[in-house]
Amino acid sequence: MRAQQDTINELGSPVISLNDTTVLLPLIGNIDTMRGMYLLENTLQRCAAKNVTRLFIDLSGVHAIDSVSAQQLSKLIESLHLIGVDTTLSGLRPDIAITAVQLQLPFDKVTIISTLAQAINTNE
């Protein structure tokens, strides 16, 4: 059962290499507390192991996020910043943006761009 959950978690948070130092984390579905915790740990470890300097997090496929997960996303961005990874968020839905504002999450260490295509083109 544990191995199945690990596989599900891994498939639910793929870190895809775009080049030697840039990766993409496309998120789809709802992000609950457990998935948020896994994203925080897994993404940070994988970025450190791959010597990543730029991470794109695309939220266009995320339908809902709870307050704990939004805070974990903020912690992920802060942690990535501390290890030298610049983070760009794209695809924020209005309801997720409202949650972030209501929680007063500090997004001063992240670039926010409307779509993933715009984010990638801006990075080139």
C-alpha atoms as a PDB file:
ATOM      1  CA  MET A   1       0.000   0.000   0.000  1.00  0.00           C
ATOM      2  CA  ARG A   2       2.864   2.377   0.870  1.00  0.00           C
ATOM      3  CA  ALA A   3       4.582   1.678  -2.484  1.00  0.00           C
ATOM      4  CA  GLN A   4       1.349   2.507  -4.318  1.00  0.00           C
ATOM      5  CA  GLN A   5       1.010   5.802  -2.447  1.00  0.00           C
ATOM      6  CA  ASP A   6       4.639   6.676  -3.232  1.00  0.00           C
ATOM      7  CA  THR A   7       3.998   6.008  -6.925  1.00  0.00           C
ATOM      8  CA  ILE A   8       0.852   8.134  -6.884  1.00  0.00           C
ATOM      9  CA  ASN A   9       2.727  10.973  -5.154  1.00  0.00           C
ATOM     10  CA  GLU A  10       5.569  10.754  -7.665  1.00  0.00           C
ATOM     11  CA  LEU A  11       3.204  10.899 -10.633  1.00  0.00           C
ATOM     12  CA  GLY A  12       1.311  13.767  -9.016  1.00  0.00           C
ATOM     13  CA  SER A  13       4.389  15.979  -8.757  1.00  0.00           C
ATOM     14  CA  PRO A  14       6.649  15.386 -11.757  1.00  0.00           C
ATOM     15  CA  VAL A  15       9.777  17.520 -11.928  1.00  0.00           C
ATOM     16  CA  ILE A  16      10.500  17.691 -15.665  1.00  0.00           C
ATOM     17  CA  SER A  17      13.887  18.872 -16.924  1.00  0.00           C
ATOM     18  CA  LEU A  18      13.717  21.556 -19.629  1.00  0.00           C
ATOM     19  CA  ASN A  19      17.520  21.924 -19.784  1.00  0.00           C
ATOM     20  CA  ASP A  20      20.485  21.411 -17.465  1.00  0.00           C
ATOM     21  CA  THR A  21      19.399  23.990 -14.894  1.00  0.00           C
ATOM     22  CA  THR A  22      15.700  24.600 -15.562  1.00  0.00           C
ATOM     23  CA  VAL A  23      12.801  22.350 -14.578  1.00  0.00           C
ATOM     24  CA  LEU A  24       9.012  22.385 -14.778  1.00  0.00           C
ATOM     25  CA  LEU A  25       6.573  21.278 -12.093  1.00  0.00           C
ATOM     26  CA  PRO A  26       3.145  21.032 -13.766  1.00  0.00           C
ATOM     27  CA  LEU A  27       0.422  20.481 -11.194  1.00  0.00           C
ATOM     28  CA  ILE A  28      -2.989  19.032 -12.001  1.00  0.00           C
ATOM     29  CA  GLY A  29      -6.002  18.384  -9.781  1.00  0.00           C
ATOM     30  CA  ASN A  30      -6.594  19.405  -6.205  1.00  0.00           C
ATOM     31  CA  ILE A  31      -3.766  20.023  -3.785  1.00  0.00           C
ATOM     32  CA  ASP A  32      -4.728  18.854  -0.336  1.00  0.00           C
ATOM     33  CA  THR A  33      -2.580  18.965   2.778  1.00  0.00           C
ATOM     34  CA  MET A  34      -0.865  15.590   2.195  1.00  0.00           C
ATOM     35  CA  ARG A  35      -0.040  16.363  -1.431  1.00  0.00           C
ATOM     36  CA  GLY A  36       1.200  19.814  -0.440  1.00  0.00           C
ATOM     37  CA  MET A  37       3.572  18.294   2.106  1.00  0.00           C
ATOM     38  CA  TYR A  38       4.902  15.842  -0.460  1.00  0.00           C
ATOM     39  CA  LEU A  39       5.373  18.619  -3.034  1.00  0.00           C
ATOM     40  CA  LEU A  40       7.390  20.652  -0.549  1.00  0.00           C
ATOM     41  CA  GLU A  41       9.748  17.817   0.345  1.00  0.00           C
ATOM     42  CA  ASN A  42      10.063  16.143  -3.059  1.00  0.00           C
ATOM     43  CA  THR A  43      10.497  19.269  -5.165  1.00  0.00           C
ATOM     44  CA  LEU A  44      13.097  20.793  -2.864  1.00  0.00           C
ATOM     45  CA  GLN A  45      15.128  17.572  -2.783  1.00  0.00           C
ATOM     46  CA  ARG A  46      14.972  17.056  -6.545  1.00  0.00           C
ATOM     47  CA  CYS A  47      15.944  20.648  -7.330  1.00  0.00           C
ATOM     48  CA  ALA A  48      18.914  20.462  -4.966  1.00  0.00           C
ATOM     49  CA  ALA A  49      20.036  17.117  -6.415  1.00  0.00           C
ATOM     50  CA  LYS A  50      19.826  18.407 -10.012  1.00  0.00           C
ATOM     51  CA  ASN A  51      21.506  21.780  -9.288  1.00  0.00           C
ATOM     52  CA  VAL A  52      18.457  23.599 -10.613  1.00  0.00           C
ATOM     53  CA  THR A  53      18.568  27.387 -10.861  1.00  0.00           C
ATOM     54  CA  ARG A  54      15.070  28.010 -12.331  1.00  0.00           C
ATOM     55  CA  LEU A  55      11.783  26.239 -11.529  1.00  0.00           C
ATOM     56  CA  PHE A  56       8.513  26.861 -13.331  1.00  0.00           C
ATOM     57  CA  ILE A  57       5.447  25.844 -11.309  1.00  0.00           C
ATOM     58  CA  ASP A  58       2.372  25.711 -13.524  1.00  0.00           C
ATOM     59  CA  LEU A  59      -0.910  25.796 -11.581  1.00  0.00           C
ATOM     60  CA  SER A  60      -3.264  26.025 -14.575  1.00  0.00           C
ATOM     61  CA  GLY A  61      -4.507  22.473 -13.956  1.00  0.00           C
ATOM     62  CA  VAL A  62      -5.102  23.006 -10.230  1.00  0.00           C
ATOM     63  CA  HIS A  63      -8.790  23.295  -9.389  1.00  0.00           C
ATOM     64  CA  ALA A  64      -8.587  23.789  -5.635  1.00  0.00           C
ATOM     65  CA  ILE A  65      -5.991  24.392  -2.972  1.00  0.00           C
ATOM     66  CA  ASP A  66      -6.544  24.501   0.765  1.00  0.00           C
ATOM     67  CA  SER A  67      -5.008  27.067   3.092  1.00  0.00           C
ATOM     68  CA  VAL A  68      -2.388  24.656   4.462  1.00  0.00           C
ATOM     69  CA  SER A  69      -1.283  23.718   0.939  1.00  0.00           C
ATOM     70  CA  ALA A  70      -1.100  27.376  -0.091  1.00  0.00           C
ATOM     71  CA  GLN A  71       1.183  27.980   2.876  1.00  0.00           C
ATOM     72  CA  GLN A  72       3.287  24.959   1.912  1.00  0.00           C
ATOM     73  CA  LEU A  73       3.606  26.349  -1.617  1.00  0.00           C
ATOM     74  CA  SER A  74       4.851  29.586  -0.080  1.00  0.00           C
ATOM     75  CA  LYS A  75       7.318  27.617   2.072  1.00  0.00           C
ATOM     76  CA  LEU A  76       8.494  25.752  -1.032  1.00  0.00           C
ATOM     77  CA  ILE A  77       9.198  29.026  -2.827  1.00  0.00           C
ATOM     78  CA  GLU A  78      11.028  30.423   0.215  1.00  0.00           C
ATOM     79  CA  SER A  79      13.084  27.222   0.599  1.00  0.00           C
ATOM     80  CA  LEU A  80      13.952  27.163  -3.093  1.00  0.00           C
ATOM     81  CA  HIS A  81      15.065  30.780  -2.869  1.00  0.00           C
ATOM     82  CA  LEU A  82      17.395  29.861  -0.002  1.00  0.00           C
ATOM     83  CA  ILE A  83      19.132  27.211  -2.143  1.00  0.00           C
ATOM     84  CA  GLY A  84      19.434  29.546  -5.132  1.00  0.00           C
ATOM     85  CA  VAL A  85      16.438  28.511  -7.237  1.00  0.00           C
ATOM     86  CA  ASP A  86      14.412  31.258  -8.925  1.00  0.00           C
ATOM     87  CA  THR A  87      10.741  30.306  -9.092  1.00  0.00           C
ATOM     88  CA  THR A  88       8.107  31.373 -11.581  1.00  0.00           C
ATOM     89  CA  LEU A  89       4.408  30.656 -11.009  1.00  0.00           C
ATOM     90  CA  SER A  90       2.025  30.490 -13.923  1.00  0.00           C
ATOM     91  CA  GLY A  91      -1.618  29.612 -14.431  1.00  0.00           C
ATOM     92  CA  LEU A  92      -2.974  30.993 -11.158  1.00  0.00           C
ATOM     93  CA  ARG A  93      -6.749  30.687 -11.124  1.00  0.00           C
ATOM     94  CA  PRO A  94      -8.718  33.560  -9.565  1.00  0.00           C
ATOM     95  CA  ASP A  95      -9.858  31.506  -6.556  1.00  0.00           C
ATOM     96  CA  ILE A  96      -6.293  30.420  -5.789  1.00  0.00           C
ATOM     97  CA  ALA A  97      -5.121  34.020  -6.097  1.00  0.00           C
ATOM     98  CA  ILE A  98      -7.838  35.083  -3.644  1.00  0.00           C
ATOM     99  CA  THR A  99      -6.747  32.378  -1.178  1.00  0.00           C
ATOM    100  CA  ALA A 100      -3.136  33.560  -1.431  1.00  0.00           C
ATOM    101  CA  VAL A 101      -4.142  37.177  -0.786  1.00  0.00           C
ATOM    102  CA  GLN A 102      -6.433  36.250   2.119  1.00  0.00           C
ATOM    103  CA  LEU A 103      -3.592  34.294   3.725  1.00  0.00           C
ATOM    104  CA  GLN A 104      -1.218  37.194   3.078  1.00  0.00           C
ATOM    105  CA  LEU A 105       1.314  34.844   1.540  1.00  0.00           C
ATOM    106  CA  PRO A 106       4.577  36.585   0.714  1.00  0.00           C
ATOM    107  CA  PHE A 107       5.192  36.220  -2.996  1.00  0.00           C
ATOM    108  CA  ASP A 108       8.072  38.682  -3.135  1.00  0.00           C
ATOM    109  CA  LYS A 109      10.549  35.906  -4.003  1.00  0.00           C
ATOM    110  CA  VAL A 110       8.638  34.595  -7.007  1.00  0.00           C
ATOM    111  CA  THR A 111       7.850  35.802 -10.495  1.00  0.00           C
ATOM    112  CA  ILE A 112       4.194  35.427 -11.446  1.00  0.00           C
ATOM    113  CA  ILE A 113       3.250  35.213 -15.120  1.00  0.00           C
ATOM    114  CA  SER A 114      -0.165  34.501 -16.612  1.00  0.00           C
ATOM    115  CA  THR A 115       0.590  31.394 -18.685  1.00  0.00           C
ATOM    116  CA  LEU A 116       3.306  28.758 -18.810  1.00  0.00           C
ATOM    117  CA  ALA A 117       4.100  29.646 -22.431  1.00  0.00           C
ATOM    118  CA  GLN A 118       4.691  33.273 -21.468  1.00  0.00           C
ATOM    119  CA  ALA A 119       6.846  32.212 -18.519  1.00  0.00           C
ATOM    120  CA  ILE A 120       9.056  29.952 -20.637  1.00  0.00           C
ATOM    121  CA  ASN A 121       9.356  32.565 -23.403  1.00  0.00           C
ATOM    122  CA  THR A 122      10.320  35.216 -20.851  1.00  0.00           C
ATOM    123  CA  ASN A 123      13.099  32.943 -19.554  1.00  0.00           C
ATOM    124  CA  GLU A 124      14.729  32.411 -22.979  1.00  0.00           C
END
